[in-house]
Amino acid sequence: MFKTALAAALLFAAPAVAQDAPAAGAHDDHAGHGDHAAHAEAQAEAELTIDSPIRDLLANEATAAVLEKHMPGVAQHPARAQFEAMTLKQVQPFSQGMITDAMIEAIDADLKAL
């Protein structure tokens, strides 16, 4: 049910998502800098919060596990490309009630506990 309702709702959100996507190479400023790139990656992982884009949360093993716990199947969602640049709060209005405030609060608490 979660997948079907969210997929249908996100079809209408696709134009807005396209505008939110970062330009190609926007995060490549540390590429080729060896230890600096590793440090930047570690720092970015430490800063993942409920306000991070879903794609960033899913790219990290620990935060992806939190999302999967509360939203089973989100990583394999057929409309993932349409919503992964958005935060959970941004997706919530399109979820037809499938993403609740309580769910977001629980995810937030689990992310803070990492």
PDB file of N, CA and C in Angstrom:
ATOM      1  N   MET A   1       0.825  -1.190   0.000  1.00  0.00           N
ATOM      2  CA  MET A   1       0.000   0.000   0.000  1.00  0.00           C
ATOM      3  C   MET A   1       0.871   1.255   0.000  1.00  0.00           C
ATOM      4  N   PHE A   2       1.932   1.262   0.839  1.00  0.00           N
ATOM      5  CA  PHE A   2       2.816   2.420   0.910  1.00  0.00           C
ATOM      6  C   PHE A   2       3.386   2.740  -0.464  1.00  0.00           C
ATOM      7  N   LYS A   3       3.881   1.708  -1.143  1.00  0.00           N
ATOM      8  CA  LYS A   3       4.508   1.912  -2.445  1.00  0.00           C
ATOM      9  C   LYS A   3       3.528   2.465  -3.462  1.00  0.00           C
ATOM     10  N   THR A   4       2.322   1.918  -3.535  1.00  0.00           N
ATOM     11  CA  THR A   4       1.343   2.335  -4.532  1.00  0.00           C
ATOM     12  C   THR A   4       0.883   3.762  -4.285  1.00  0.00           C
ATOM     13  N   ALA A   5       0.513   4.076  -3.054  1.00  0.00           N
ATOM     14  CA  ALA A   5       0.027   5.415  -2.742  1.00  0.00           C
ATOM     15  C   ALA A   5       1.107   6.464  -2.957  1.00  0.00           C
ATOM     16  N   LEU A   6       2.306   6.173  -2.508  1.00  0.00           N
ATOM     17  CA  LEU A   6       3.391   7.133  -2.651  1.00  0.00           C
ATOM     18  C   LEU A   6       3.774   7.316  -4.112  1.00  0.00           C
ATOM     19  N   ALA A   7       3.800   6.236  -4.870  1.00  0.00           N
ATOM     20  CA  ALA A   7       4.138   6.330  -6.290  1.00  0.00           C
ATOM     21  C   ALA A   7       3.141   7.205  -7.025  1.00  0.00           C
ATOM     22  N   ALA A   8       1.860   7.009  -6.766  1.00  0.00           N
ATOM     23  CA  ALA A   8       0.833   7.812  -7.425  1.00  0.00           C
ATOM     24  C   ALA A   8       0.946   9.279  -7.039  1.00  0.00           C
ATOM     25  N   ALA A   9       1.157   9.544  -5.760  1.00  0.00           N
ATOM     26  CA  ALA A   9       1.257  10.923  -5.301  1.00  0.00           C
ATOM     27  C   ALA A   9       2.492  11.611  -5.845  1.00  0.00           C
ATOM     28  N   LEU A  10       3.582  10.881  -5.971  1.00  0.00           N
ATOM     29  CA  LEU A  10       4.832  11.490  -6.420  1.00  0.00           C
ATOM     30  C   LEU A  10       4.858  11.786  -7.908  1.00  0.00           C
ATOM     31  N   LEU A  11       4.003  11.174  -8.653  1.00  0.00           N
ATOM     32  CA  LEU A  11       3.941  11.484 -10.081  1.00  0.00           C
ATOM     33  C   LEU A  11       3.632  12.960 -10.288  1.00  0.00           C
ATOM     34  N   PHE A  12       2.858  13.518  -9.374  1.00  0.00           N
ATOM     35  CA  PHE A  12       2.516  14.932  -9.466  1.00  0.00           C
ATOM     36  C   PHE A  12       3.628  15.829  -8.932  1.00  0.00           C
ATOM     37  N   ALA A  13       4.532  15.281  -8.156  1.00  0.00           N
ATOM     38  CA  ALA A  13       5.621  16.055  -7.563  1.00  0.00           C
ATOM     39  C   ALA A  13       6.865  16.071  -8.435  1.00  0.00           C
ATOM     40  N   ALA A  14       6.918  15.272  -9.473  1.00  0.00           N
ATOM     41  CA  ALA A  14       8.132  15.125 -10.288  1.00  0.00           C
ATOM     42  C   ALA A  14       8.692  16.440 -10.806  1.00  0.00           C
ATOM     43  N   PRO A  15       7.866  17.375 -11.326  1.00  0.00           N
ATOM     44  CA  PRO A  15       8.458  18.633 -11.812  1.00  0.00           C
ATOM     45  C   PRO A  15       9.174  19.405 -10.705  1.00  0.00           C
ATOM     46  N   ALA A  16       8.651  19.392  -9.497  1.00  0.00           N
ATOM     47  CA  ALA A  16       9.298  20.103  -8.398  1.00  0.00           C
ATOM     48  C   ALA A  16      10.610  19.436  -8.016  1.00  0.00           C
ATOM     49  N   VAL A  17      10.664  18.138  -8.060  1.00  0.00           N
ATOM     50  CA  VAL A  17      11.879  17.408  -7.716  1.00  0.00           C
ATOM     51  C   VAL A  17      12.983  17.736  -8.701  1.00  0.00           C
ATOM     52  N   ALA A  18      12.646  17.818  -9.965  1.00  0.00           N
ATOM     53  CA  ALA A  18      13.654  18.105 -10.985  1.00  0.00           C
ATOM     54  C   ALA A  18      14.337  19.439 -10.706  1.00  0.00           C
ATOM     55  N   GLN A  19      13.617  20.390 -10.151  1.00  0.00           N
ATOM     56  CA  GLN A  19      14.204  21.684  -9.846  1.00  0.00           C
ATOM     57  C   GLN A  19      15.112  21.616  -8.636  1.00  0.00           C
ATOM     58  N   ASP A  20      14.887  20.653  -7.744  1.00  0.00           N
ATOM     59  CA  ASP A  20      15.680  20.540  -6.532  1.00  0.00           C
ATOM     60  C   ASP A  20      16.990  19.799  -6.731  1.00  0.00           C
ATOM     61  N   ALA A  21      17.136  19.096  -7.836  1.00  0.00           N
ATOM     62  CA  ALA A  21      18.329  18.281  -8.054  1.00  0.00           C
ATOM     63  C   ALA A  21      19.550  19.176  -8.209  1.00  0.00           C
ATOM     64  N   PRO A  22      20.663  18.839  -7.554  1.00  0.00           N
ATOM     65  CA  PRO A  22      21.876  19.651  -7.678  1.00  0.00           C
ATOM     66  C   PRO A  22      22.494  19.498  -9.066  1.00  0.00           C
ATOM     67  N   ALA A  23      23.204  20.507  -9.473  1.00  0.00           N
ATOM     68  CA  ALA A  23      23.875  20.472 -10.768  1.00  0.00           C
ATOM     69  C   ALA A  23      24.936  19.383 -10.771  1.00  0.00           C
ATOM     70  N   ALA A  24      25.174  18.804 -11.910  1.00  0.00           N
ATOM     71  CA  ALA A  24      26.192  17.760 -12.031  1.00  0.00           C
ATOM     72  C   ALA A  24      27.534  18.308 -11.572  1.00  0.00           C
ATOM     73  N   GLY A  25      28.223  17.533 -10.768  1.00  0.00           N
ATOM     74  CA  GLY A  25      29.538  17.956 -10.289  1.00  0.00           C
ATOM     75  C   GLY A  25      29.495  18.910  -9.111  1.00  0.00           C
ATOM     76  N   ALA A  26      28.304  19.183  -8.576  1.00  0.00           N
ATOM     77  CA  ALA A  26      28.188  20.147  -7.489  1.00  0.00           C
ATOM     78  C   ALA A  26      28.957  19.717  -6.247  1.00  0.00           C
ATOM     79  N   HIS A  27      29.135  18.424  -6.056  1.00  0.00           N
ATOM     80  CA  HIS A  27      29.829  17.937  -4.875  1.00  0.00           C
ATOM     81  C   HIS A  27      31.194  17.351  -5.219  1.00  0.00           C
ATOM     82  N   ASP A  28      31.736  17.679  -6.366  1.00  0.00           N
ATOM     83  CA  ASP A  28      33.002  17.109  -6.812  1.00  0.00           C
ATOM     84  C   ASP A  28      34.197  17.987  -6.474  1.00  0.00           C
ATOM     85  N   ASP A  29      34.022  19.038  -5.677  1.00  0.00           N
ATOM     86  CA  ASP A  29      35.113  19.965  -5.428  1.00  0.00           C
ATOM     87  C   ASP A  29      36.256  19.355  -4.625  1.00  0.00           C
ATOM     88  N   HIS A  30      36.037  18.205  -3.979  1.00  0.00           N
ATOM     89  CA  HIS A  30      37.105  17.549  -3.236  1.00  0.00           C
ATOM     90  C   HIS A  30      37.650  16.325  -3.964  1.00  0.00           C
ATOM     91  N   ALA A  31      37.167  16.070  -5.165  1.00  0.00           N
ATOM     92  CA  ALA A  31      37.597  14.881  -5.908  1.00  0.00           C
ATOM     93  C   ALA A  31      39.101  14.932  -6.152  1.00  0.00           C
ATOM     94  N   GLY A  32      39.755  13.813  -5.948  1.00  0.00           N
ATOM     95  CA  GLY A  32      41.186  13.730  -6.211  1.00  0.00           C
ATOM     96  C   GLY A  32      42.068  14.282  -5.113  1.00  0.00           C
ATOM     97  N   HIS A  33      41.487  14.570  -3.957  1.00  0.00           N
ATOM     98  CA  HIS A  33      42.279  15.136  -2.886  1.00  0.00           C
ATOM     99  C   HIS A  33      42.602  14.124  -1.787  1.00  0.00           C
ATOM    100  N   GLY A  34      42.496  12.847  -2.097  1.00  0.00           N
ATOM    101  CA  GLY A  34      42.911  11.795  -1.168  1.00  0.00           C
ATOM    102  C   GLY A  34      42.247  11.881   0.185  1.00  0.00           C
ATOM    103  N   ASP A  35      43.042  12.137   1.216  1.00  0.00           N
ATOM    104  CA  ASP A  35      42.535  12.172   2.584  1.00  0.00           C
ATOM    105  C   ASP A  35      41.484  13.253   2.783  1.00  0.00           C
ATOM    106  N   HIS A  36      41.573  14.342   2.052  1.00  0.00           N
ATOM    107  CA  HIS A  36      40.576  15.403   2.169  1.00  0.00           C
ATOM    108  C   HIS A  36      39.202  14.902   1.742  1.00  0.00           C
ATOM    109  N   ALA A  37      39.154  14.107   0.695  1.00  0.00           N
ATOM    110  CA  ALA A  37      37.882  13.562   0.227  1.00  0.00           C
ATOM    111  C   ALA A  37      37.310  12.605   1.266  1.00  0.00           C
ATOM    112  N   ALA A  38      38.152  11.764   1.868  1.00  0.00           N
ATOM    113  CA  ALA A  38      37.694  10.834   2.901  1.00  0.00           C
ATOM    114  C   ALA A  38      37.179  11.593   4.111  1.00  0.00           C
ATOM    115  N   HIS A  39      37.871  12.668   4.480  1.00  0.00           N
ATOM    116  CA  HIS A  39      37.433  13.484   5.609  1.00  0.00           C
ATOM    117  C   HIS A  39      36.092  14.141   5.312  1.00  0.00           C
ATOM    118  N   ALA A  40      35.927  14.674   4.116  1.00  0.00           N
ATOM    119  CA  ALA A  40      34.673  15.323   3.731  1.00  0.00           C
ATOM    120  C   ALA A  40      33.529  14.321   3.755  1.00  0.00           C
ATOM    121  N   GLU A  41      33.787  13.095   3.288  1.00  0.00           N
ATOM    122  CA  GLU A  41      32.758  12.056   3.292  1.00  0.00           C
ATOM    123  C   GLU A  41      32.370  11.687   4.722  1.00  0.00           C
ATOM    124  N   ALA A  42      33.340  11.538   5.586  1.00  0.00           N
ATOM    125  CA  ALA A  42      33.062  11.193   6.983  1.00  0.00           C
ATOM    126  C   ALA A  42      32.280  12.312   7.660  1.00  0.00           C
ATOM    127  N   GLN A  43      32.628  13.550   7.363  1.00  0.00           N
ATOM    128  CA  GLN A  43      31.927  14.691   7.947  1.00  0.00           C
ATOM    129  C   GLN A  43      30.487  14.735   7.453  1.00  0.00           C
ATOM    130  N   ALA A  44      30.265  14.479   6.166  1.00  0.00           N
ATOM    131  CA  ALA A  44      28.918  14.491   5.599  1.00  0.00           C
ATOM    132  C   ALA A  44      28.062  13.412   6.249  1.00  0.00           C
ATOM    133  N   GLU A  45      28.648  12.224   6.494  1.00  0.00           N
ATOM    134  CA  GLU A  45      27.904  11.142   7.134  1.00  0.00           C
ATOM    135  C   GLU A  45      27.504  11.541   8.547  1.00  0.00           C
ATOM    136  N   ALA A  46      28.368  12.226   9.245  1.00  0.00           N
ATOM    137  CA  ALA A  46      28.086  12.627  10.614  1.00  0.00           C
ATOM    138  C   ALA A  46      26.968  13.659  10.678  1.00  0.00           C
ATOM    139  N   GLU A  47      26.725  14.355   9.592  1.00  0.00           N
ATOM    140  CA  GLU A  47      25.757  15.433   9.578  1.00  0.00           C
ATOM    141  C   GLU A  47      24.403  15.017   9.002  1.00  0.00           C
ATOM    142  N   LEU A  48      24.185  13.739   8.723  1.00  0.00           N
ATOM    143  CA  LEU A  48      22.916  13.294   8.182  1.00  0.00           C
ATOM    144  C   LEU A  48      21.831  13.431   9.245  1.00  0.00           C
ATOM    145  N   THR A  49      20.759  14.128   8.880  1.00  0.00           N
ATOM    146  CA  THR A  49      19.654  14.385   9.800  1.00  0.00           C
ATOM    147  C   THR A  49      18.334  14.168   9.076  1.00  0.00           C
ATOM    148  N   ILE A  50      17.268  14.394   9.768  1.00  0.00           N
ATOM    149  CA  ILE A  50      15.927  14.288   9.198  1.00  0.00           C
ATOM    150  C   ILE A  50      15.740  15.298   8.057  1.00  0.00           C
ATOM    151  N   ASP A  51      16.558  16.342   8.028  1.00  0.00           N
ATOM    152  CA  ASP A  51      16.478  17.363   6.980  1.00  0.00           C
ATOM    153  C   ASP A  51      17.384  17.072   5.791  1.00  0.00           C
ATOM    154  N   SER A  52      18.062  15.928   5.811  1.00  0.00           N
ATOM    155  CA  SER A  52      18.920  15.527   4.690  1.00  0.00           C
ATOM    156  C   SER A  52      18.042  14.954   3.570  1.00  0.00           C
ATOM    157  N   PRO A  53      18.482  15.092   2.333  1.00  0.00           N
ATOM    158  CA  PRO A  53      17.745  14.453   1.234  1.00  0.00           C
ATOM    159  C   PRO A  53      17.694  12.933   1.447  1.00  0.00           C
ATOM    160  N   ILE A  54      16.603  12.338   1.030  1.00  0.00           N
ATOM    161  CA  ILE A  54      16.418  10.897   1.183  1.00  0.00           C
ATOM    162  C   ILE A  54      17.554  10.140   0.509  1.00  0.00           C
ATOM    163  N   ARG A  55      18.038  10.614  -0.634  1.00  0.00           N
ATOM    164  CA  ARG A  55      19.130   9.936  -1.342  1.00  0.00           C
ATOM    165  C   ARG A  55      20.371   9.845  -0.463  1.00  0.00           C
ATOM    166  N   ASP A  56      20.666  10.894   0.315  1.00  0.00           N
ATOM    167  CA  ASP A  56      21.832  10.882   1.197  1.00  0.00           C
ATOM    168  C   ASP A  56      21.629   9.908   2.352  1.00  0.00           C
ATOM    169  N   LEU A  57      20.415   9.863   2.884  1.00  0.00           N
ATOM    170  CA  LEU A  57      20.122   8.925   3.966  1.00  0.00           C
ATOM    171  C   LEU A  57      20.237   7.488   3.480  1.00  0.00           C
ATOM    172  N   LEU A  58      19.794   7.232   2.253  1.00  0.00           N
ATOM    173  CA  LEU A  58      19.864   5.874   1.706  1.00  0.00           C
ATOM    174  C   LEU A  58      21.281   5.488   1.282  1.00  0.00           C
ATOM    175  N   ALA A  59      22.138   6.460   1.046  1.00  0.00           N
ATOM    176  CA  ALA A  59      23.504   6.178   0.618  1.00  0.00           C
ATOM    177  C   ALA A  59      24.395   5.752   1.782  1.00  0.00           C
ATOM    178  N   ASN A  60      23.953   5.997   2.990  1.00  0.00           N
ATOM    179  CA  ASN A  60      24.709   5.643   4.192  1.00  0.00           C
ATOM    180  C   ASN A  60      24.086   4.402   4.809  1.00  0.00           C
ATOM    181  N   GLU A  61      24.899   3.404   5.096  1.00  0.00           N
ATOM    182  CA  GLU A  61      24.384   2.119   5.593  1.00  0.00           C
ATOM    183  C   GLU A  61      23.567   2.269   6.880  1.00  0.00           C
ATOM    184  N   ALA A  62      24.068   3.043   7.828  1.00  0.00           N
ATOM    185  CA  ALA A  62      23.381   3.175   9.117  1.00  0.00           C
ATOM    186  C   ALA A  62      22.063   3.942   8.986  1.00  0.00           C
ATOM    187  N   THR A  63      22.083   5.052   8.251  1.00  0.00           N
ATOM    188  CA  THR A  63      20.856   5.829   8.121  1.00  0.00           C
ATOM    189  C   THR A  63      19.858   5.143   7.197  1.00  0.00           C
ATOM    190  N   ALA A  64      20.349   4.388   6.217  1.00  0.00           N
ATOM    191  CA  ALA A  64      19.450   3.614   5.352  1.00  0.00           C
ATOM    192  C   ALA A  64      18.708   2.569   6.177  1.00  0.00           C
ATOM    193  N   ALA A  65      19.387   1.971   7.140  1.00  0.00           N
ATOM    194  CA  ALA A  65      18.744   0.979   8.006  1.00  0.00           C
ATOM    195  C   ALA A  65      17.624   1.617   8.825  1.00  0.00           C
ATOM    196  N   VAL A  66      17.831   2.853   9.249  1.00  0.00           N
ATOM    197  CA  VAL A  66      16.790   3.567   9.994  1.00  0.00           C
ATOM    198  C   VAL A  66      15.566   3.783   9.094  1.00  0.00           C
ATOM    199  N   LEU A  67      15.797   4.253   7.873  1.00  0.00           N
ATOM    200  CA  LEU A  67      14.668   4.461   6.957  1.00  0.00           C
ATOM    201  C   LEU A  67      13.957   3.152   6.664  1.00  0.00           C
ATOM    202  N   GLU A  68      14.722   2.108   6.431  1.00  0.00           N
ATOM    203  CA  GLU A  68      14.133   0.804   6.105  1.00  0.00           C
ATOM    204  C   GLU A  68      13.312   0.272   7.283  1.00  0.00           C
ATOM    205  N   LYS A  69      13.755   0.544   8.492  1.00  0.00           N
ATOM    206  CA  LYS A  69      13.030   0.113   9.689  1.00  0.00           C
ATOM    207  C   LYS A  69      11.629   0.732   9.731  1.00  0.00           C
ATOM    208  N   HIS A  70      11.555   2.007   9.415  1.00  0.00           N
ATOM    209  CA  HIS A  70      10.290   2.736   9.528  1.00  0.00           C
ATOM    210  C   HIS A  70       9.494   2.777   8.218  1.00  0.00           C
ATOM    211  N   MET A  71      10.184   2.596   7.098  1.00  0.00           N
ATOM    212  CA  MET A  71       9.546   2.668   5.784  1.00  0.00           C
ATOM    213  C   MET A  71      10.037   1.502   4.926  1.00  0.00           C
ATOM    214  N   PRO A  72       9.649   0.292   5.270  1.00  0.00           N
ATOM    215  CA  PRO A  72      10.162  -0.885   4.545  1.00  0.00           C
ATOM    216  C   PRO A  72       9.976  -0.758   3.030  1.00  0.00           C
ATOM    217  N   GLY A  73      11.044  -1.037   2.302  1.00  0.00           N
ATOM    218  CA  GLY A  73      10.995  -1.003   0.847  1.00  0.00           C
ATOM    219  C   GLY A  73      11.292   0.343   0.221  1.00  0.00           C
ATOM    220  N   VAL A  74      11.581   1.352   1.010  1.00  0.00           N
ATOM    221  CA  VAL A  74      11.789   2.689   0.457  1.00  0.00           C
ATOM    222  C   VAL A  74      12.970   2.732  -0.520  1.00  0.00           C
ATOM    223  N   ALA A  75      14.010   1.978  -0.260  1.00  0.00           N
ATOM    224  CA  ALA A  75      15.192   1.994  -1.134  1.00  0.00           C
ATOM    225  C   ALA A  75      14.893   1.416  -2.514  1.00  0.00           C
ATOM    226  N   GLN A  76      13.929   0.503  -2.589  1.00  0.00           N
ATOM    227  CA  GLN A  76      13.577  -0.120  -3.867  1.00  0.00           C
ATOM    228  C   GLN A  76      12.290   0.460  -4.449  1.00  0.00           C
ATOM    229  N   HIS A  77      11.810   1.546  -3.889  1.00  0.00           N
ATOM    230  CA  HIS A  77      10.553   2.137  -4.343  1.00  0.00           C
ATOM    231  C   HIS A  77      10.641   2.486  -5.830  1.00  0.00           C
ATOM    232  N   PRO A  78       9.624   2.141  -6.628  1.00  0.00           N
ATOM    233  CA  PRO A  78       9.671   2.415  -8.062  1.00  0.00           C
ATOM    234  C   PRO A  78       9.741   3.905  -8.412  1.00  0.00           C
ATOM    235  N   ALA A  79       9.310   4.766  -7.523  1.00  0.00           N
ATOM    236  CA  ALA A  79       9.345   6.207  -7.789  1.00  0.00           C
ATOM    237  C   ALA A  79      10.507   6.895  -7.072  1.00  0.00           C
ATOM    238  N   ARG A  80      11.463   6.119  -6.586  1.00  0.00           N
ATOM    239  CA  ARG A  80      12.571   6.683  -5.813  1.00  0.00           C
ATOM    240  C   ARG A  80      13.256   7.850  -6.532  1.00  0.00           C
ATOM    241  N   ALA A  81      13.486   7.720  -7.809  1.00  0.00           N
ATOM    242  CA  ALA A  81      14.169   8.791  -8.554  1.00  0.00           C
ATOM    243  C   ALA A  81      13.393  10.103  -8.498  1.00  0.00           C
ATOM    244  N   GLN A  82      12.100  10.019  -8.288  1.00  0.00           N
ATOM    245  CA  GLN A  82      11.274  11.221  -8.245  1.00  0.00           C
ATOM    246  C   GLN A  82      11.283  11.900  -6.887  1.00  0.00           C
ATOM    247  N   PHE A  83      11.603  11.167  -5.813  1.00  0.00           N
ATOM    248  CA  PHE A  83      11.540  11.785  -4.490  1.00  0.00           C
ATOM    249  C   PHE A  83      12.861  11.788  -3.739  1.00  0.00           C
ATOM    250  N   GLU A  84      13.899  11.152  -4.255  1.00  0.00           N
ATOM    251  CA  GLU A  84      15.122  11.005  -3.463  1.00  0.00           C
ATOM    252  C   GLU A  84      15.869  12.307  -3.215  1.00  0.00           C
ATOM    253  N   ALA A  85      15.617  13.341  -3.992  1.00  0.00           N
ATOM    254  CA  ALA A  85      16.265  14.636  -3.754  1.00  0.00           C
ATOM    255  C   ALA A  85      15.534  15.449  -2.685  1.00  0.00           C
ATOM    256  N   MET A  86      14.387  14.940  -2.247  1.00  0.00           N
ATOM    257  CA  MET A  86      13.565  15.634  -1.266  1.00  0.00           C
ATOM    258  C   MET A  86      13.830  15.094   0.144  1.00  0.00           C
ATOM    259  N   THR A  87      13.460  15.880   1.143  1.00  0.00           N
ATOM    260  CA  THR A  87      13.504  15.410   2.526  1.00  0.00           C
ATOM    261  C   THR A  87      12.194  14.684   2.824  1.00  0.00           C
ATOM    262  N   LEU A  88      12.151  13.981   3.937  1.00  0.00           N
ATOM    263  CA  LEU A  88      10.922  13.296   4.318  1.00  0.00           C
ATOM    264  C   LEU A  88       9.774  14.277   4.516  1.00  0.00           C
ATOM    265  N   LYS A  89      10.051  15.421   5.113  1.00  0.00           N
ATOM    266  CA  LYS A  89       9.011  16.444   5.306  1.00  0.00           C
ATOM    267  C   LYS A  89       8.485  16.962   3.962  1.00  0.00           C
ATOM    268  N   GLN A  90       9.341  17.051   2.958  1.00  0.00           N
ATOM    269  CA  GLN A  90       8.908  17.504   1.640  1.00  0.00           C
ATOM    270  C   GLN A  90       8.048  16.456   0.941  1.00  0.00           C
ATOM    271  N   VAL A  91       8.353  15.191   1.159  1.00  0.00           N
ATOM    272  CA  VAL A  91       7.602  14.101   0.538  1.00  0.00           C
ATOM    273  C   VAL A  91       6.276  13.868   1.257  1.00  0.00           C
ATOM    274  N   GLN A  92       6.238  14.147   2.537  1.00  0.00           N
ATOM    275  CA  GLN A  92       5.071  13.842   3.362  1.00  0.00           C
ATOM    276  C   GLN A  92       3.734  14.296   2.754  1.00  0.00           C
ATOM    277  N   PRO A  93       3.592  15.520   2.241  1.00  0.00           N
ATOM    278  CA  PRO A  93       2.294  15.930   1.699  1.00  0.00           C
ATOM    279  C   PRO A  93       1.839  15.101   0.490  1.00  0.00           C
ATOM    280  N   PHE A  94       2.771  14.474  -0.191  1.00  0.00           N
ATOM    281  CA  PHE A  94       2.451  13.676  -1.372  1.00  0.00           C
ATOM    282  C   PHE A  94       2.214  12.205  -1.041  1.00  0.00           C
ATOM    283  N   SER A  95       2.386  11.838   0.223  1.00  0.00           N
ATOM    284  CA  SER A  95       2.343  10.427   0.611  1.00  0.00           C
ATOM    285  C   SER A  95       0.941   9.915   0.936  1.00  0.00           C
ATOM    286  N   GLN A  96      -0.056  10.744   0.814  1.00  0.00           N
ATOM    287  CA  GLN A  96      -1.443  10.368   1.108  1.00  0.00           C
ATOM    288  C   GLN A  96      -1.565   9.765   2.502  1.00  0.00           C
ATOM    289  N   GLY A  97      -0.872  10.361   3.463  1.00  0.00           N
ATOM    290  CA  GLY A  97      -0.948   9.929   4.847  1.00  0.00           C
ATOM    291  C   GLY A  97      -0.046   8.767   5.214  1.00  0.00           C
ATOM    292  N   MET A  98       0.725   8.246   4.262  1.00  0.00           N
ATOM    293  CA  MET A  98       1.600   7.105   4.544  1.00  0.00           C
ATOM    294  C   MET A  98       2.825   7.518   5.363  1.00  0.00           C
ATOM    295  N   ILE A  99       3.257   8.768   5.231  1.00  0.00           N
ATOM    296  CA  ILE A  99       4.358   9.287   6.046  1.00  0.00           C
ATOM    297  C   ILE A  99       3.724  10.239   7.054  1.00  0.00           C
ATOM    298  N   THR A 100       3.718   9.830   8.310  1.00  0.00           N
ATOM    299  CA  THR A 100       3.071  10.597   9.362  1.00  0.00           C
ATOM    300  C   THR A 100       4.092  11.415  10.155  1.00  0.00           C
ATOM    301  N   ASP A 101       3.577  12.369  10.928  1.00  0.00           N
ATOM    302  CA  ASP A 101       4.458  13.129  11.812  1.00  0.00           C
ATOM    303  C   ASP A 101       5.129  12.200  12.814  1.00  0.00           C
ATOM    304  N   ALA A 102       4.379  11.227  13.320  1.00  0.00           N
ATOM    305  CA  ALA A 102       4.943  10.278  14.287  1.00  0.00           C
ATOM    306  C   ALA A 102       6.080   9.466  13.658  1.00  0.00           C
ATOM    307  N   MET A 103       5.912   9.086  12.397  1.00  0.00           N
ATOM    308  CA  MET A 103       6.953   8.327  11.695  1.00  0.00           C
ATOM    309  C   MET A 103       8.209   9.184  11.540  1.00  0.00           C
ATOM    310  N   ILE A 104       8.028  10.432  11.162  1.00  0.00           N
ATOM    311  CA  ILE A 104       9.170  11.330  10.991  1.00  0.00           C
ATOM    312  C   ILE A 104       9.865  11.570  12.328  1.00  0.00           C
ATOM    313  N   GLU A 105       9.089  11.712  13.404  1.00  0.00           N
ATOM    314  CA  GLU A 105       9.680  11.894  14.728  1.00  0.00           C
ATOM    315  C   GLU A 105      10.477  10.661  15.155  1.00  0.00           C
ATOM    316  N   ALA A 106       9.956   9.485  14.856  1.00  0.00           N
ATOM    317  CA  ALA A 106      10.658   8.245  15.208  1.00  0.00           C
ATOM    318  C   ALA A 106      11.954   8.112  14.414  1.00  0.00           C
ATOM    319  N   ILE A 107      11.908   8.440  13.132  1.00  0.00           N
ATOM    320  CA  ILE A 107      13.120   8.396  12.300  1.00  0.00           C
ATOM    321  C   ILE A 107      14.136   9.408  12.828  1.00  0.00           C
ATOM    322  N   ASP A 108      13.662  10.596  13.164  1.00  0.00           N
ATOM    323  CA  ASP A 108      14.545  11.627  13.698  1.00  0.00           C
ATOM    324  C   ASP A 108      15.234  11.148  14.969  1.00  0.00           C
ATOM    325  N   ALA A 109      14.481  10.535  15.872  1.00  0.00           N
ATOM    326  CA  ALA A 109      15.057  10.036  17.124  1.00  0.00           C
ATOM    327  C   ALA A 109      16.111   8.969  16.847  1.00  0.00           C
ATOM    328  N   ASP A 110      15.814   8.063  15.911  1.00  0.00           N
ATOM    329  CA  ASP A 110      16.785   7.006  15.580  1.00  0.00           C
ATOM    330  C   ASP A 110      18.035   7.570  14.922  1.00  0.00           C
ATOM    331  N   LEU A 111      17.867   8.582  14.073  1.00  0.00           N
ATOM    332  CA  LEU A 111      19.038   9.196  13.419  1.00  0.00           C
ATOM    333  C   LEU A 111      19.912   9.902  14.465  1.00  0.00           C
ATOM    334  N   LYS A 112      19.294  10.554  15.403  1.00  0.00           N
ATOM    335  CA  LYS A 112      20.054  11.240  16.457  1.00  0.00           C
ATOM    336  C   LYS A 112      20.780  10.263  17.360  1.00  0.00           C
ATOM    337  N   ALA A 113      20.249   9.043  17.470  1.00  0.00           N
ATOM    338  CA  ALA A 113      20.869   8.028  18.323  1.00  0.00           C
ATOM    339  C   ALA A 113      22.089   7.368  17.678  1.00  0.00           C
ATOM    340  N   LEU A 114      22.284   7.574  16.392  1.00  0.00           N
ATOM    341  CA  LEU A 114      23.427   6.947  15.698  1.00  0.00           C
ATOM    342  C   LEU A 114      24.747   7.561  16.147  1.00  0.00           C
TER     343      LEU A 114
END
